Amino acid sequence: MESRQLVALLREIVAANPRTRALGADRVTDLIRAYQPGEVTTLVTALAAGAAEERDLVALEAQLHAIFELTFTGQVRRAHLAHLEQLRTRDLPAELHDYLRDLLDDERFRPEA
C-alpha cells in the first residue's frame, strides 16, 4: 500500500463525521490483502482507539468489524486491542457486545500469564 493511501485511510477512520468513520472502517476490510504487517498494527490500533471513543453505533459496528477482520492477518496482538477495554459494555447493543467479547476473549489475544 502506498503511503498516501494509508494516510487517506487513517484520515477517514478518525474523521469528525461518523458516517465517514464508518465508511473508512468498511474500506479497511476491503483492502485486507494490501496491508504490510506495520500497516495492520497501525490500522487496528487506530480503530480500537476510535472505537473506545465512538458514540455512533453504526460507526462503532463498522470499527469492530474491521478490527475483527484484521485479526485474521495474524499481525494483531493483545496490545493493539487494549483501547477496546475502555468500552462500556453495558451501554452496547447485544450484537456489538458479542463482537467485543469475541475479540477480547479470543485465545490469541489473552494476556500471557
N, C-alpha and C. Protein backbone atom coordinates (compact mmCIF):
# COMPACT_ATOMS: atom_id res chain seq x y z
N MET A 1 0.85 -1.17 0.00
CA MET A 1 0.00 0.00 0.00
C MET A 1 0.90 1.24 0.00
N GLU A 2 0.55 2.19 -0.81
CA GLU A 2 1.33 3.43 -0.85
C GLU A 2 1.02 4.28 0.38
N SER A 3 1.99 5.10 0.76
CA SER A 3 1.82 5.93 1.96
C SER A 3 0.62 6.85 1.84
N ARG A 4 0.39 7.40 0.67
CA ARG A 4 -0.76 8.32 0.53
C ARG A 4 -2.08 7.59 0.74
N GLN A 5 -2.13 6.32 0.35
CA GLN A 5 -3.35 5.53 0.55
C GLN A 5 -3.57 5.24 2.04
N LEU A 6 -2.50 4.91 2.74
CA LEU A 6 -2.60 4.64 4.16
C LEU A 6 -3.02 5.90 4.92
N VAL A 7 -2.42 7.03 4.59
CA VAL A 7 -2.77 8.29 5.25
C VAL A 7 -4.23 8.65 4.97
N ALA A 8 -4.67 8.46 3.75
CA ALA A 8 -6.07 8.76 3.41
C ALA A 8 -7.02 7.87 4.21
N LEU A 9 -6.67 6.61 4.34
CA LEU A 9 -7.49 5.68 5.09
C LEU A 9 -7.53 6.05 6.58
N LEU A 10 -6.39 6.40 7.13
CA LEU A 10 -6.34 6.84 8.53
C LEU A 10 -7.18 8.09 8.74
N ARG A 11 -7.12 9.02 7.81
CA ARG A 11 -7.95 10.24 7.92
C ARG A 11 -9.43 9.90 7.94
N GLU A 12 -9.81 8.93 7.15
CA GLU A 12 -11.22 8.53 7.13
C GLU A 12 -11.64 7.91 8.46
N ILE A 13 -10.83 7.02 9.00
CA ILE A 13 -11.26 6.32 10.22
C ILE A 13 -11.20 7.19 11.47
N VAL A 14 -10.56 8.36 11.38
CA VAL A 14 -10.57 9.28 12.52
C VAL A 14 -11.29 10.59 12.20
N ALA A 15 -12.05 10.61 11.13
CA ALA A 15 -12.77 11.82 10.70
C ALA A 15 -13.77 12.28 11.76
N ALA A 16 -14.13 13.54 11.69
CA ALA A 16 -15.11 14.10 12.62
C ALA A 16 -16.52 13.54 12.37
N ASN A 17 -16.81 13.23 11.13
CA ASN A 17 -18.14 12.77 10.75
C ASN A 17 -18.26 11.25 10.97
N PRO A 18 -19.26 10.80 11.73
CA PRO A 18 -19.39 9.37 12.00
C PRO A 18 -19.64 8.54 10.73
N ARG A 19 -20.34 9.09 9.77
CA ARG A 19 -20.56 8.36 8.51
C ARG A 19 -19.24 8.12 7.79
N THR A 20 -18.37 9.12 7.80
CA THR A 20 -17.05 8.97 7.18
C THR A 20 -16.23 7.94 7.93
N ARG A 21 -16.31 7.93 9.26
CA ARG A 21 -15.59 6.93 10.06
C ARG A 21 -16.07 5.52 9.72
N ALA A 22 -17.38 5.35 9.60
CA ALA A 22 -17.95 4.05 9.27
C ALA A 22 -17.50 3.60 7.88
N LEU A 23 -17.56 4.50 6.92
CA LEU A 23 -17.12 4.16 5.56
C LEU A 23 -15.63 3.84 5.53
N GLY A 24 -14.84 4.58 6.29
CA GLY A 24 -13.41 4.31 6.37
C GLY A 24 -13.13 2.93 6.95
N ALA A 25 -13.85 2.58 8.00
CA ALA A 25 -13.69 1.25 8.60
C ALA A 25 -14.10 0.17 7.61
N ASP A 26 -15.15 0.42 6.85
CA ASP A 26 -15.55 -0.54 5.82
C ASP A 26 -14.47 -0.68 4.74
N ARG A 27 -13.84 0.41 4.38
CA ARG A 27 -12.76 0.36 3.39
C ARG A 27 -11.57 -0.44 3.91
N VAL A 28 -11.33 -0.38 5.20
CA VAL A 28 -10.24 -1.17 5.79
C VAL A 28 -10.43 -2.64 5.43
N THR A 29 -11.65 -3.12 5.57
CA THR A 29 -11.90 -4.54 5.29
C THR A 29 -11.80 -4.85 3.80
N ASP A 30 -12.07 -3.88 2.96
CA ASP A 30 -11.98 -4.09 1.51
C ASP A 30 -10.54 -4.29 1.04
N LEU A 31 -9.59 -3.80 1.82
CA LEU A 31 -8.20 -3.79 1.39
C LEU A 31 -7.30 -4.73 2.18
N ILE A 32 -7.87 -5.66 2.91
CA ILE A 32 -7.11 -6.52 3.83
C ILE A 32 -5.85 -7.10 3.19
N ARG A 33 -5.93 -7.57 1.99
CA ARG A 33 -4.78 -8.23 1.35
C ARG A 33 -3.68 -7.27 0.94
N ALA A 34 -3.94 -5.97 1.01
CA ALA A 34 -2.95 -4.98 0.57
C ALA A 34 -2.00 -4.53 1.67
N TYR A 35 -2.26 -4.91 2.91
CA TYR A 35 -1.50 -4.37 4.03
C TYR A 35 -0.23 -5.13 4.34
N GLN A 36 0.78 -4.36 4.71
CA GLN A 36 2.01 -4.91 5.27
C GLN A 36 1.77 -5.04 6.79
N PRO A 37 2.58 -5.83 7.50
CA PRO A 37 2.36 -6.01 8.94
C PRO A 37 2.27 -4.70 9.74
N GLY A 38 3.14 -3.75 9.49
CA GLY A 38 3.09 -2.49 10.22
C GLY A 38 1.83 -1.69 9.94
N GLU A 39 1.32 -1.82 8.75
CA GLU A 39 0.08 -1.13 8.41
C GLU A 39 -1.10 -1.74 9.15
N VAL A 40 -1.09 -3.06 9.28
CA VAL A 40 -2.15 -3.73 10.04
C VAL A 40 -2.16 -3.23 11.47
N THR A 41 -1.00 -3.19 12.11
CA THR A 41 -0.95 -2.79 13.52
C THR A 41 -1.32 -1.32 13.69
N THR A 42 -0.93 -0.50 12.74
CA THR A 42 -1.32 0.92 12.79
C THR A 42 -2.83 1.05 12.68
N LEU A 43 -3.42 0.37 11.71
CA LEU A 43 -4.86 0.47 11.50
C LEU A 43 -5.66 -0.10 12.66
N VAL A 44 -5.27 -1.27 13.15
CA VAL A 44 -6.04 -1.89 14.22
C VAL A 44 -5.94 -1.06 15.51
N THR A 45 -4.80 -0.49 15.77
CA THR A 45 -4.65 0.35 16.96
C THR A 45 -5.49 1.61 16.84
N ALA A 46 -5.46 2.24 15.66
CA ALA A 46 -6.28 3.45 15.43
C ALA A 46 -7.76 3.12 15.52
N LEU A 47 -8.17 2.00 14.95
CA LEU A 47 -9.58 1.61 15.01
C LEU A 47 -10.01 1.31 16.45
N ALA A 48 -9.17 0.65 17.21
CA ALA A 48 -9.51 0.33 18.60
C ALA A 48 -9.62 1.60 19.44
N ALA A 49 -8.71 2.53 19.24
CA ALA A 49 -8.77 3.80 19.98
C ALA A 49 -10.03 4.57 19.58
N GLY A 50 -10.33 4.58 18.29
CA GLY A 50 -11.55 5.25 17.83
C GLY A 50 -12.80 4.59 18.38
N ALA A 51 -12.82 3.28 18.40
CA ALA A 51 -13.98 2.55 18.92
C ALA A 51 -14.21 2.87 20.40
N ALA A 52 -13.13 3.03 21.14
CA ALA A 52 -13.25 3.33 22.57
C ALA A 52 -13.94 4.67 22.81
N GLU A 53 -13.84 5.57 21.85
CA GLU A 53 -14.43 6.90 21.98
C GLU A 53 -15.71 7.07 21.16
N GLU A 54 -16.06 6.07 20.37
CA GLU A 54 -17.18 6.18 19.42
C GLU A 54 -18.52 6.26 20.13
N ARG A 55 -19.36 7.16 19.68
CA ARG A 55 -20.72 7.30 20.22
C ARG A 55 -21.78 6.92 19.19
N ASP A 56 -21.38 6.81 17.94
CA ASP A 56 -22.29 6.44 16.87
C ASP A 56 -22.26 4.92 16.70
N LEU A 57 -23.41 4.27 16.88
CA LEU A 57 -23.44 2.81 16.86
C LEU A 57 -23.13 2.20 15.49
N VAL A 58 -23.49 2.90 14.42
CA VAL A 58 -23.18 2.40 13.08
C VAL A 58 -21.66 2.42 12.86
N ALA A 59 -21.04 3.54 13.23
CA ALA A 59 -19.59 3.64 13.10
C ALA A 59 -18.89 2.63 14.00
N LEU A 60 -19.39 2.46 15.21
CA LEU A 60 -18.79 1.51 16.14
C LEU A 60 -18.86 0.08 15.59
N GLU A 61 -19.99 -0.29 15.04
CA GLU A 61 -20.11 -1.63 14.46
C GLU A 61 -19.11 -1.81 13.32
N ALA A 62 -18.97 -0.80 12.47
CA ALA A 62 -18.01 -0.88 11.36
C ALA A 62 -16.58 -0.99 11.89
N GLN A 63 -16.26 -0.25 12.94
CA GLN A 63 -14.92 -0.30 13.51
C GLN A 63 -14.63 -1.68 14.10
N LEU A 64 -15.57 -2.21 14.87
CA LEU A 64 -15.36 -3.53 15.48
C LEU A 64 -15.26 -4.62 14.41
N HIS A 65 -16.07 -4.50 13.37
CA HIS A 65 -15.99 -5.48 12.28
C HIS A 65 -14.63 -5.41 11.59
N ALA A 66 -14.15 -4.21 11.33
CA ALA A 66 -12.84 -4.06 10.68
C ALA A 66 -11.73 -4.64 11.56
N ILE A 67 -11.80 -4.37 12.85
CA ILE A 67 -10.80 -4.93 13.78
C ILE A 67 -10.86 -6.45 13.73
N PHE A 68 -12.06 -7.00 13.78
CA PHE A 68 -12.23 -8.45 13.74
C PHE A 68 -11.60 -9.03 12.47
N GLU A 69 -11.86 -8.41 11.34
CA GLU A 69 -11.29 -8.89 10.07
C GLU A 69 -9.77 -8.78 10.06
N LEU A 70 -9.23 -7.72 10.63
CA LEU A 70 -7.78 -7.55 10.68
C LEU A 70 -7.10 -8.62 11.53
N THR A 71 -7.82 -9.19 12.49
CA THR A 71 -7.21 -10.22 13.34
C THR A 71 -6.81 -11.44 12.54
N PHE A 72 -7.45 -11.67 11.42
CA PHE A 72 -7.14 -12.85 10.61
C PHE A 72 -5.86 -12.69 9.79
N THR A 73 -5.22 -11.53 9.86
CA THR A 73 -3.94 -11.34 9.18
C THR A 73 -2.81 -12.00 9.97
N GLY A 74 -3.05 -12.29 11.25
CA GLY A 74 -2.01 -12.86 12.09
C GLY A 74 -1.06 -11.82 12.67
N GLN A 75 -1.32 -10.55 12.42
CA GLN A 75 -0.44 -9.48 12.88
C GLN A 75 -0.94 -8.78 14.14
N VAL A 76 -2.16 -9.05 14.54
CA VAL A 76 -2.76 -8.34 15.67
C VAL A 76 -2.39 -9.02 16.98
N ARG A 77 -1.99 -8.22 17.94
CA ARG A 77 -1.66 -8.70 19.29
C ARG A 77 -2.58 -8.03 20.31
N ARG A 78 -2.59 -8.56 21.48
CA ARG A 78 -3.45 -8.04 22.55
C ARG A 78 -3.22 -6.54 22.78
N ALA A 79 -1.99 -6.11 22.74
CA ALA A 79 -1.67 -4.69 22.98
C ALA A 79 -2.37 -3.78 21.97
N HIS A 80 -2.58 -4.27 20.77
CA HIS A 80 -3.24 -3.46 19.74
C HIS A 80 -4.72 -3.28 20.04
N LEU A 81 -5.27 -4.15 20.86
CA LEU A 81 -6.70 -4.11 21.19
C LEU A 81 -6.98 -3.45 22.53
N ALA A 82 -5.94 -3.02 23.21
CA ALA A 82 -6.08 -2.53 24.59
C ALA A 82 -7.14 -1.44 24.76
N HIS A 83 -7.27 -0.56 23.80
CA HIS A 83 -8.26 0.52 23.92
C HIS A 83 -9.69 -0.01 23.99
N LEU A 84 -9.93 -1.18 23.43
CA LEU A 84 -11.28 -1.74 23.45
C LEU A 84 -11.76 -2.03 24.87
N GLU A 85 -10.84 -2.23 25.78
CA GLU A 85 -11.22 -2.50 27.16
C GLU A 85 -11.87 -1.29 27.83
N GLN A 86 -11.76 -0.13 27.22
CA GLN A 86 -12.37 1.09 27.75
C GLN A 86 -13.85 1.21 27.39
N LEU A 87 -14.30 0.40 26.43
CA LEU A 87 -15.72 0.45 26.04
C LEU A 87 -16.60 -0.02 27.19
N ARG A 88 -17.67 0.70 27.42
CA ARG A 88 -18.61 0.32 28.47
C ARG A 88 -19.61 -0.66 27.89
N THR A 89 -19.41 -1.92 28.20
CA THR A 89 -20.22 -2.97 27.57
C THR A 89 -21.69 -2.88 27.93
N ARG A 90 -22.01 -2.37 29.08
CA ARG A 90 -23.42 -2.31 29.47
C ARG A 90 -24.21 -1.36 28.58
N ASP A 91 -23.53 -0.45 27.90
CA ASP A 91 -24.20 0.50 27.02
C ASP A 91 -24.31 0.01 25.58
N LEU A 92 -23.77 -1.17 25.30
CA LEU A 92 -23.74 -1.67 23.93
C LEU A 92 -24.94 -2.55 23.61
N PRO A 93 -25.46 -2.46 22.38
CA PRO A 93 -26.46 -3.43 21.95
C PRO A 93 -25.83 -4.83 21.93
N ALA A 94 -26.65 -5.85 21.99
CA ALA A 94 -26.17 -7.23 22.10
C ALA A 94 -25.19 -7.60 20.99
N GLU A 95 -25.48 -7.23 19.75
CA GLU A 95 -24.61 -7.64 18.66
C GLU A 95 -23.22 -7.00 18.76
N LEU A 96 -23.14 -5.78 19.27
CA LEU A 96 -21.84 -5.14 19.44
C LEU A 96 -21.11 -5.72 20.66
N HIS A 97 -21.87 -6.04 21.66
CA HIS A 97 -21.28 -6.69 22.83
C HIS A 97 -20.66 -8.02 22.42
N ASP A 98 -21.32 -8.75 21.53
CA ASP A 98 -20.79 -10.02 21.05
C ASP A 98 -19.48 -9.83 20.29
N TYR A 99 -19.42 -8.82 19.42
CA TYR A 99 -18.17 -8.52 18.70
C TYR A 99 -17.04 -8.29 19.69
N LEU A 100 -17.33 -7.44 20.67
CA LEU A 100 -16.32 -7.08 21.66
C LEU A 100 -15.87 -8.30 22.46
N ARG A 101 -16.82 -9.09 22.89
CA ARG A 101 -16.49 -10.30 23.65
C ARG A 101 -15.64 -11.25 22.80
N ASP A 102 -16.02 -11.42 21.54
CA ASP A 102 -15.26 -12.30 20.66
C ASP A 102 -13.82 -11.83 20.51
N LEU A 103 -13.62 -10.55 20.43
CA LEU A 103 -12.27 -10.00 20.29
C LEU A 103 -11.46 -10.14 21.58
N LEU A 104 -12.04 -9.74 22.68
CA LEU A 104 -11.28 -9.70 23.93
C LEU A 104 -11.13 -11.07 24.60
N ASP A 105 -12.02 -12.00 24.27
CA ASP A 105 -11.93 -13.32 24.86
C ASP A 105 -11.20 -14.33 23.98
N ASP A 106 -10.82 -13.92 22.78
CA ASP A 106 -10.14 -14.81 21.85
C ASP A 106 -8.82 -15.27 22.46
N GLU A 107 -8.56 -16.56 22.42
CA GLU A 107 -7.33 -17.12 22.99
C GLU A 107 -6.08 -16.46 22.42
N ARG A 108 -6.15 -16.05 21.15
CA ARG A 108 -4.98 -15.43 20.52
C ARG A 108 -4.60 -14.11 21.19
N PHE A 109 -5.54 -13.50 21.89
CA PHE A 109 -5.30 -12.17 22.44
C PHE A 109 -5.34 -12.11 23.97
N ARG A 110 -5.34 -13.26 24.59
CA ARG A 110 -5.33 -13.28 26.06
C ARG A 110 -3.95 -12.85 26.55
N PRO A 111 -3.92 -12.06 27.63
CA PRO A 111 -2.62 -11.68 28.19
C PRO A 111 -1.86 -12.94 28.61
N GLU A 112 -0.57 -12.89 28.43
CA GLU A 112 0.25 -14.03 28.82
C GLU A 112 0.40 -14.08 30.33
N ALA A 113 0.37 -15.28 30.87
CA ALA A 113 0.47 -15.46 32.33
C ALA A 113 1.90 -15.29 32.79
